[in-house]
Amino acid sequence: MPQLHYTPGEKLPVAKVKDRIDYLKAACVNQSVLDLGCYDETALIKKESGRYLFNEIDEVAKFHLGVDNSSLLPEEGITISDKSKILRGDIYNLDKMNIASYNFDVIIAGELIEHLSDTLLFLRKMKEWFPGKRLICTTPNTTALHNMVFTLVKRESAHIDHLQVYSYKTLNTLCRHAGFADWQIIPYHVKFTEMKLGAKGIKRQIVGASESIVNGIERLFPMSAGGYMVDIRL
């Protein structure tokens, strides 16, 4: 876990930037996986792109159970296969869904915590319900390069349901206050997948080139990366 002094000018031990999907997929190989906030209803365009997280985890997991509160999900949930399904439910009340009986190895919370009304409560509940297991949360980075560039033209990249945005230090603070003893904070590359899929011809090429340039800058300056993954031992 990072050892920080919380002084204004301290140098932070930021890791090398990773690909978010690759990192999460590798963590789920032959594992029993609980996938929270998995439906990603605003990004269903990505389903066949290789960048839709639920599908990518499904390829490698031994067992894969998703939980999401999306109104697009039927009350009975969706059965994908004999080893994969999505339940409609509230992540703050997983104890009422008998979730712990599945004995998960890994819990994934992909692009979820920025949507939560109480992230600290969520993390404390994860520690209570799944002691000793691995939790990986991913979330956008408040100091991301594209966010800083947008400010120059009076714009901001934020989803309508985002309630907060996190930095390296605030994520570290959340882990400390949740009572965790072992965690890593790893930056991940921004991907403009939805923009590319929604564009054609020269516009798609421009988006792709922009993504490559931004990813190159992220490698040089990892605190400018699109987001962070917090890999926690509960």
C-alpha atoms as a PDB file:
ATOM      1  CA  MET A   1       0.000   0.000   0.000  1.00  0.00           C
ATOM      2  CA  PRO A   2       1.249   3.558  -0.629  1.00  0.00           C
ATOM      3  CA  GLN A   3       3.009   5.254   2.275  1.00  0.00           C
ATOM      4  CA  LEU A   4       1.958   8.893   2.001  1.00  0.00           C
ATOM      5  CA  HIS A   5       2.650  11.911   4.203  1.00  0.00           C
ATOM      6  CA  TYR A   6      -0.138  14.032   2.694  1.00  0.00           C
ATOM      7  CA  THR A   7       2.106  17.049   2.287  1.00  0.00           C
ATOM      8  CA  PRO A   8       1.228  19.260  -0.720  1.00  0.00           C
ATOM      9  CA  GLY A   9       4.401  18.659  -2.737  1.00  0.00           C
ATOM     10  CA  GLU A  10       5.275  15.047  -1.944  1.00  0.00           C
ATOM     11  CA  LYS A  11       6.176  12.744  -4.826  1.00  0.00           C
ATOM     12  CA  LEU A  12       3.690   9.913  -5.165  1.00  0.00           C
ATOM     13  CA  PRO A  13       4.671   6.280  -5.881  1.00  0.00           C
ATOM     14  CA  VAL A  14       2.456   5.952  -8.955  1.00  0.00           C
ATOM     15  CA  ALA A  15       2.748   2.645 -10.834  1.00  0.00           C
ATOM     16  CA  LYS A  16       3.060   2.188 -14.597  1.00  0.00           C
ATOM     17  CA  VAL A  17      -0.139   2.653 -16.575  1.00  0.00           C
ATOM     18  CA  LYS A  18      -2.036  -0.532 -17.489  1.00  0.00           C
ATOM     19  CA  ASP A  19      -4.892  -1.461 -19.805  1.00  0.00           C
ATOM     20  CA  ARG A  20      -8.011  -1.682 -17.624  1.00  0.00           C
ATOM     21  CA  ILE A  21      -9.729  -4.553 -19.421  1.00  0.00           C
ATOM     22  CA  ASP A  22      -6.552  -6.633 -19.651  1.00  0.00           C
ATOM     23  CA  TYR A  23      -5.768  -6.172 -15.949  1.00  0.00           C
ATOM     24  CA  LEU A  24      -9.259  -7.106 -14.771  1.00  0.00           C
ATOM     25  CA  LYS A  25      -9.540 -10.009 -17.174  1.00  0.00           C
ATOM     26  CA  ALA A  26      -6.225 -11.458 -15.966  1.00  0.00           C
ATOM     27  CA  ALA A  27      -7.443 -11.219 -12.355  1.00  0.00           C
ATOM     28  CA  CYS A  28     -10.540 -13.277 -13.212  1.00  0.00           C
ATOM     29  CA  VAL A  29      -8.979 -16.237 -15.039  1.00  0.00           C
ATOM     30  CA  ASN A  30     -10.461 -19.475 -13.609  1.00  0.00           C
ATOM     31  CA  GLN A  31     -11.906 -17.526 -10.668  1.00  0.00           C
ATOM     32  CA  SER A  32     -15.382 -17.271  -9.184  1.00  0.00           C
ATOM     33  CA  VAL A  33     -16.234 -13.612  -9.829  1.00  0.00           C
ATOM     34  CA  LEU A  34     -18.801 -11.224  -8.375  1.00  0.00           C
ATOM     35  CA  ASP A  35     -19.222  -8.336 -10.830  1.00  0.00           C
ATOM     36  CA  LEU A  36     -20.905  -5.289  -9.241  1.00  0.00           C
ATOM     37  CA  GLY A  37     -22.540  -2.576 -11.332  1.00  0.00           C
ATOM     38  CA  CYS A  38     -21.805  -4.788 -14.309  1.00  0.00           C
ATOM     39  CA  TYR A  39     -24.550  -3.943 -16.804  1.00  0.00           C
ATOM     40  CA  ASP A  40     -23.074  -0.620 -17.975  1.00  0.00           C
ATOM     41  CA  GLU A  41     -26.397   0.344 -19.530  1.00  0.00           C
ATOM     42  CA  THR A  42     -25.146   3.576 -21.106  1.00  0.00           C
ATOM     43  CA  ALA A  43     -22.385   1.782 -23.007  1.00  0.00           C
ATOM     44  CA  LEU A  44     -24.153  -1.194 -24.565  1.00  0.00           C
ATOM     45  CA  ILE A  45     -22.718  -0.081 -27.924  1.00  0.00           C
ATOM     46  CA  LYS A  46     -19.432  -1.647 -26.738  1.00  0.00           C
ATOM     47  CA  LYS A  47     -20.864  -5.168 -26.331  1.00  0.00           C
ATOM     48  CA  GLU A  48     -19.138  -6.622 -29.390  1.00  0.00           C
ATOM     49  CA  SER A  49     -16.049  -4.402 -29.305  1.00  0.00           C
ATOM     50  CA  GLY A  50     -13.806  -6.348 -26.930  1.00  0.00           C
ATOM     51  CA  ARG A  51     -14.083  -3.422 -24.461  1.00  0.00           C
ATOM     52  CA  TYR A  52     -17.338  -4.416 -22.712  1.00  0.00           C
ATOM     53  CA  LEU A  53     -16.132  -5.617 -19.321  1.00  0.00           C
ATOM     54  CA  PHE A  54     -18.864  -8.136 -18.496  1.00  0.00           C
ATOM     55  CA  ASN A  55     -18.302 -10.044 -21.742  1.00  0.00           C
ATOM     56  CA  GLU A  56     -14.528 -10.029 -21.325  1.00  0.00           C
ATOM     57  CA  ILE A  57     -14.713 -11.405 -17.778  1.00  0.00           C
ATOM     58  CA  ASP A  58     -17.258 -13.990 -18.958  1.00  0.00           C
ATOM     59  CA  GLU A  59     -14.692 -15.433 -21.363  1.00  0.00           C
ATOM     60  CA  VAL A  60     -12.239 -16.404 -18.610  1.00  0.00           C
ATOM     61  CA  ALA A  61     -14.119 -16.753 -15.289  1.00  0.00           C
ATOM     62  CA  LYS A  62     -14.969 -20.122 -13.754  1.00  0.00           C
ATOM     63  CA  PHE A  63     -18.222 -18.638 -12.431  1.00  0.00           C
ATOM     64  CA  HIS A  64     -19.503 -15.122 -13.071  1.00  0.00           C
ATOM     65  CA  LEU A  65     -22.356 -13.427 -11.210  1.00  0.00           C
ATOM     66  CA  GLY A  66     -23.270  -9.823 -11.950  1.00  0.00           C
ATOM     67  CA  VAL A  67     -25.387  -7.523  -9.786  1.00  0.00           C
ATOM     68  CA  ASP A  68     -26.826  -4.246 -11.072  1.00  0.00           C
ATOM     69  CA  ASN A  69     -29.803  -2.038 -10.219  1.00  0.00           C
ATOM     70  CA  SER A  70     -30.481  -0.981 -13.820  1.00  0.00           C
ATOM     71  CA  SER A  71     -34.168  -0.563 -14.663  1.00  0.00           C
ATOM     72  CA  LEU A  72     -33.345  -2.196 -18.023  1.00  0.00           C
ATOM     73  CA  LEU A  73     -32.833  -5.521 -16.258  1.00  0.00           C
ATOM     74  CA  PRO A  74     -35.918  -7.717 -15.669  1.00  0.00           C
ATOM     75  CA  GLU A  75     -36.790  -8.385 -12.021  1.00  0.00           C
ATOM     76  CA  GLU A  76     -35.731 -12.019 -12.394  1.00  0.00           C
ATOM     77  CA  GLY A  77     -32.378 -11.014 -13.883  1.00  0.00           C
ATOM     78  CA  ILE A  78     -30.696 -12.480 -16.954  1.00  0.00           C
ATOM     79  CA  THR A  79     -29.212 -15.977 -17.266  1.00  0.00           C
ATOM     80  CA  ILE A  80     -26.324 -15.952 -19.741  1.00  0.00           C
ATOM     81  CA  SER A  81     -25.191 -19.565 -19.312  1.00  0.00           C
ATOM     82  CA  ASP A  82     -24.912 -22.241 -16.628  1.00  0.00           C
ATOM     83  CA  LYS A  83     -21.927 -20.354 -15.200  1.00  0.00           C
ATOM     84  CA  SER A  84     -22.970 -16.776 -15.832  1.00  0.00           C
ATOM     85  CA  LYS A  85     -25.925 -14.581 -14.872  1.00  0.00           C
ATOM     86  CA  ILE A  86     -26.881 -11.042 -13.876  1.00  0.00           C
ATOM     87  CA  LEU A  87     -29.179 -10.326 -10.935  1.00  0.00           C
ATOM     88  CA  ARG A  88     -31.101  -7.132 -10.407  1.00  0.00           C
ATOM     89  CA  GLY A  89     -30.301  -5.850  -6.932  1.00  0.00           C
ATOM     90  CA  ASP A  90     -28.889  -3.242  -4.583  1.00  0.00           C
ATOM     91  CA  ILE A  91     -25.165  -3.520  -3.835  1.00  0.00           C
ATOM     92  CA  TYR A  92     -25.708  -2.114  -0.341  1.00  0.00           C
ATOM     93  CA  ASN A  93     -27.986  -5.083   0.438  1.00  0.00           C
ATOM     94  CA  LEU A  94     -26.066  -8.034  -0.946  1.00  0.00           C
ATOM     95  CA  ASP A  95     -26.437  -9.775   2.418  1.00  0.00           C
ATOM     96  CA  LYS A  96     -30.187 -10.052   1.734  1.00  0.00           C
ATOM     97  CA  MET A  97     -29.509 -11.757  -1.615  1.00  0.00           C
ATOM     98  CA  ASN A  98     -27.505 -14.655  -0.143  1.00  0.00           C
ATOM     99  CA  ILE A  99     -24.553 -13.598  -2.337  1.00  0.00           C
ATOM    100  CA  ALA A 100     -21.815 -14.688   0.087  1.00  0.00           C
ATOM    101  CA  SER A 101     -22.873 -18.345  -0.250  1.00  0.00           C
ATOM    102  CA  TYR A 102     -21.247 -18.446  -3.714  1.00  0.00           C
ATOM    103  CA  ASN A 103     -17.766 -18.180  -2.121  1.00  0.00           C
ATOM    104  CA  PHE A 104     -16.301 -15.711  -4.618  1.00  0.00           C
ATOM    105  CA  ASP A 105     -12.568 -15.359  -5.203  1.00  0.00           C
ATOM    106  CA  VAL A 106     -12.672 -11.900  -6.788  1.00  0.00           C
ATOM    107  CA  ILE A 107     -15.087  -8.976  -6.553  1.00  0.00           C
ATOM    108  CA  ILE A 108     -15.009  -6.481  -9.431  1.00  0.00           C
ATOM    109  CA  ALA A 109     -16.489  -2.975  -9.162  1.00  0.00           C
ATOM    110  CA  GLY A 110     -15.802  -1.536 -12.611  1.00  0.00           C
ATOM    111  CA  GLU A 111     -16.485   2.207 -12.968  1.00  0.00           C
ATOM    112  CA  LEU A 112     -18.898   2.003 -10.037  1.00  0.00           C
ATOM    113  CA  ILE A 113     -17.706   3.941  -6.995  1.00  0.00           C
ATOM    114  CA  GLU A 114     -18.036   7.349  -8.675  1.00  0.00           C
ATOM    115  CA  HIS A 115     -21.793   6.619  -8.902  1.00  0.00           C
ATOM    116  CA  LEU A 116     -22.269   5.733  -5.230  1.00  0.00           C
ATOM    117  CA  SER A 117     -23.881   7.932  -2.605  1.00  0.00           C
ATOM    118  CA  ASP A 118     -21.588   6.476   0.092  1.00  0.00           C
ATOM    119  CA  THR A 119     -18.396   4.879  -1.219  1.00  0.00           C
ATOM    120  CA  LEU A 120     -16.860   4.465   2.227  1.00  0.00           C
ATOM    121  CA  LEU A 121     -19.893   2.504   3.429  1.00  0.00           C
ATOM    122  CA  PHE A 122     -19.670   0.324   0.313  1.00  0.00           C
ATOM    123  CA  LEU A 123     -15.994  -0.477   0.986  1.00  0.00           C
ATOM    124  CA  ARG A 124     -16.648  -1.264   4.646  1.00  0.00           C
ATOM    125  CA  LYS A 125     -19.467  -3.611   3.663  1.00  0.00           C
ATOM    126  CA  MET A 126     -17.160  -5.377   1.186  1.00  0.00           C
ATOM    127  CA  LYS A 127     -14.659  -5.922   4.020  1.00  0.00           C
ATOM    128  CA  GLU A 128     -17.404  -7.247   6.297  1.00  0.00           C
ATOM    129  CA  TRP A 129     -19.012  -9.564   3.739  1.00  0.00           C
ATOM    130  CA  PHE A 130     -15.962 -10.882   1.863  1.00  0.00           C
ATOM    131  CA  PRO A 131     -12.991 -11.023   4.281  1.00  0.00           C
ATOM    132  CA  GLY A 132      -9.764 -12.272   2.722  1.00  0.00           C
ATOM    133  CA  LYS A 133     -11.072 -11.942  -0.846  1.00  0.00           C
ATOM    134  CA  ARG A 134      -9.755  -9.687  -3.613  1.00  0.00           C
ATOM    135  CA  LEU A 135     -11.664  -6.515  -4.530  1.00  0.00           C
ATOM    136  CA  ILE A 136     -10.726  -4.432  -7.574  1.00  0.00           C
ATOM    137  CA  CYS A 137     -12.439  -1.070  -8.038  1.00  0.00           C
ATOM    138  CA  THR A 138     -11.862   1.081 -11.115  1.00  0.00           C
ATOM    139  CA  THR A 139     -12.822   4.726 -11.407  1.00  0.00           C
ATOM    140  CA  PRO A 140     -12.060   7.791 -13.557  1.00  0.00           C
ATOM    141  CA  ASN A 141      -9.163  10.024 -12.512  1.00  0.00           C
ATOM    142  CA  THR A 142      -9.857  13.635 -11.566  1.00  0.00           C
ATOM    143  CA  THR A 143      -6.418  14.677 -12.925  1.00  0.00           C
ATOM    144  CA  ALA A 144      -6.795  12.829 -16.248  1.00  0.00           C
ATOM    145  CA  LEU A 145      -5.174  14.569 -19.227  1.00  0.00           C
ATOM    146  CA  HIS A 146      -8.390  14.774 -21.246  1.00  0.00           C
ATOM    147  CA  ASN A 147     -10.190  16.323 -18.255  1.00  0.00           C
ATOM    148  CA  MET A 148      -7.514  18.995 -17.905  1.00  0.00           C
ATOM    149  CA  VAL A 149      -7.593  19.757 -21.644  1.00  0.00           C
ATOM    150  CA  PHE A 150     -11.381  20.091 -21.565  1.00  0.00           C
ATOM    151  CA  THR A 151     -11.118  22.768 -18.870  1.00  0.00           C
ATOM    152  CA  LEU A 152      -9.271  25.008 -21.343  1.00  0.00           C
ATOM    153  CA  VAL A 153     -12.425  25.193 -23.486  1.00  0.00           C
ATOM    154  CA  LYS A 154     -14.921  25.326 -20.603  1.00  0.00           C
ATOM    155  CA  ARG A 155     -15.891  21.658 -20.818  1.00  0.00           C
ATOM    156  CA  GLU A 156     -15.887  18.654 -18.525  1.00  0.00           C
ATOM    157  CA  SER A 157     -16.140  14.897 -19.061  1.00  0.00           C
ATOM    158  CA  ALA A 158     -18.712  13.622 -16.558  1.00  0.00           C
ATOM    159  CA  HIS A 159     -21.573  11.147 -16.707  1.00  0.00           C
ATOM    160  CA  ILE A 160     -24.990  12.393 -15.586  1.00  0.00           C
ATOM    161  CA  ASP A 161     -24.956   9.883 -12.694  1.00  0.00           C
ATOM    162  CA  HIS A 162     -21.455  10.668 -11.381  1.00  0.00           C
ATOM    163  CA  LEU A 163     -21.610  11.892  -7.791  1.00  0.00           C
ATOM    164  CA  GLN A 164     -17.870  12.319  -7.242  1.00  0.00           C
ATOM    165  CA  VAL A 165     -14.507  11.908  -8.928  1.00  0.00           C
ATOM    166  CA  TYR A 166     -11.350  10.598  -7.258  1.00  0.00           C
ATOM    167  CA  SER A 167      -7.622  11.262  -7.275  1.00  0.00           C
ATOM    168  CA  TYR A 168      -4.678   9.074  -6.226  1.00  0.00           C
ATOM    169  CA  LYS A 169      -4.649  10.536  -2.706  1.00  0.00           C
ATOM    170  CA  THR A 170      -8.407  10.438  -2.127  1.00  0.00           C
ATOM    171  CA  LEU A 171      -8.519   6.777  -3.178  1.00  0.00           C
ATOM    172  CA  ASN A 172      -5.704   6.050  -0.751  1.00  0.00           C
ATOM    173  CA  THR A 173      -7.636   7.886   1.970  1.00  0.00           C
ATOM    174  CA  LEU A 174     -10.747   5.802   1.298  1.00  0.00           C
ATOM    175  CA  CYS A 175      -8.729   2.597   1.725  1.00  0.00           C
ATOM    176  CA  ARG A 176      -7.244   3.843   5.000  1.00  0.00           C
ATOM    177  CA  HIS A 177     -10.626   4.831   6.417  1.00  0.00           C
ATOM    178  CA  ALA A 178     -12.199   1.548   5.301  1.00  0.00           C
ATOM    179  CA  GLY A 179      -9.637  -0.295   7.443  1.00  0.00           C
ATOM    180  CA  PHE A 180      -7.825  -2.161   4.684  1.00  0.00           C
ATOM    181  CA  ALA A 181      -4.301  -3.412   5.333  1.00  0.00           C
ATOM    182  CA  ASP A 182      -3.160  -4.205   1.790  1.00  0.00           C
ATOM    183  CA  TRP A 183      -3.948  -2.345  -1.450  1.00  0.00           C
ATOM    184  CA  GLN A 184      -2.398  -1.004  -4.660  1.00  0.00           C
ATOM    185  CA  ILE A 185      -3.454   1.959  -6.798  1.00  0.00           C
ATOM    186  CA  ILE A 186      -2.703   1.429 -10.498  1.00  0.00           C
ATOM    187  CA  PRO A 187      -3.444   3.958 -13.274  1.00  0.00           C
ATOM    188  CA  TYR A 188      -5.172   2.793 -16.446  1.00  0.00           C
ATOM    189  CA  HIS A 189      -5.229   4.146 -19.996  1.00  0.00           C
ATOM    190  CA  VAL A 190      -8.211   6.121 -21.249  1.00  0.00           C
ATOM    191  CA  LYS A 191     -10.013   4.542 -24.214  1.00  0.00           C
ATOM    192  CA  PHE A 192     -12.344   6.420 -26.533  1.00  0.00           C
ATOM    193  CA  THR A 193     -14.203   3.261 -27.589  1.00  0.00           C
ATOM    194  CA  GLU A 194     -17.695   4.732 -27.706  1.00  0.00           C
ATOM    195  CA  MET A 195     -16.501   7.748 -29.690  1.00  0.00           C
ATOM    196  CA  LYS A 196     -14.753   5.488 -32.198  1.00  0.00           C
ATOM    197  CA  LEU A 197     -17.777   3.228 -32.580  1.00  0.00           C
ATOM    198  CA  GLY A 198     -20.015   6.233 -33.102  1.00  0.00           C
ATOM    199  CA  ALA A 199     -17.759   7.808 -35.742  1.00  0.00           C
ATOM    200  CA  LYS A 200     -17.068   6.904 -39.364  1.00  0.00           C
ATOM    201  CA  GLY A 201     -14.321   7.454 -41.887  1.00  0.00           C
ATOM    202  CA  ILE A 202     -11.849  10.227 -41.148  1.00  0.00           C
ATOM    203  CA  LYS A 203     -13.564  11.086 -37.846  1.00  0.00           C
ATOM    204  CA  ARG A 204     -12.939   7.562 -36.557  1.00  0.00           C
ATOM    205  CA  GLN A 205      -9.297   7.808 -37.634  1.00  0.00           C
ATOM    206  CA  ILE A 206      -8.925  11.127 -35.796  1.00  0.00           C
ATOM    207  CA  VAL A 207     -10.414   9.646 -32.613  1.00  0.00           C
ATOM    208  CA  GLY A 208      -8.087   6.644 -32.861  1.00  0.00           C
ATOM    209  CA  ALA A 209      -5.042   8.838 -33.402  1.00  0.00           C
ATOM    210  CA  SER A 210      -6.048  11.058 -30.470  1.00  0.00           C
ATOM    211  CA  GLU A 211      -6.369   8.018 -28.232  1.00  0.00           C
ATOM    212  CA  SER A 212      -2.872   6.839 -29.199  1.00  0.00           C
ATOM    213  CA  ILE A 213      -1.373  10.273 -28.489  1.00  0.00           C
ATOM    214  CA  VAL A 214      -3.106  10.532 -25.105  1.00  0.00           C
ATOM    215  CA  ASN A 215      -2.022   6.991 -24.159  1.00  0.00           C
ATOM    216  CA  GLY A 216       1.579   7.892 -25.011  1.00  0.00           C
ATOM    217  CA  ILE A 217       1.451  10.940 -22.741  1.00  0.00           C
ATOM    218  CA  GLU A 218      -0.134   8.806 -19.990  1.00  0.00           C
ATOM    219  CA  ARG A 219       2.842   6.436 -20.134  1.00  0.00           C
ATOM    220  CA  LEU A 220       5.197   9.372 -19.540  1.00  0.00           C
ATOM    221  CA  PHE A 221       3.009  11.017 -16.896  1.00  0.00           C
ATOM    222  CA  PRO A 222       0.957   8.286 -15.161  1.00  0.00           C
ATOM    223  CA  MET A 223      -0.968  10.705 -12.935  1.00  0.00           C
ATOM    224  CA  SER A 224      -2.560  12.034 -16.135  1.00  0.00           C
ATOM    225  CA  ALA A 225      -4.022   8.581 -16.900  1.00  0.00           C
ATOM    226  CA  GLY A 226      -7.727   8.164 -17.597  1.00  0.00           C
ATOM    227  CA  GLY A 227      -8.461   6.376 -14.336  1.00  0.00           C
ATOM    228  CA  TYR A 228      -7.246   4.278 -11.429  1.00  0.00           C
ATOM    229  CA  MET A 229      -7.670   0.659 -10.385  1.00  0.00           C
ATOM    230  CA  VAL A 230      -7.620   0.008  -6.643  1.00  0.00           C
ATOM    231  CA  ASP A 231      -6.615  -3.608  -6.016  1.00  0.00           C
ATOM    232  CA  ILE A 232      -7.499  -4.523  -2.432  1.00  0.00           C
ATOM    233  CA  ARG A 233      -7.122  -7.554  -0.198  1.00  0.00           C
ATOM    234  CA  LEU A 234     -10.210  -7.451   2.005  1.00  0.00           C
END
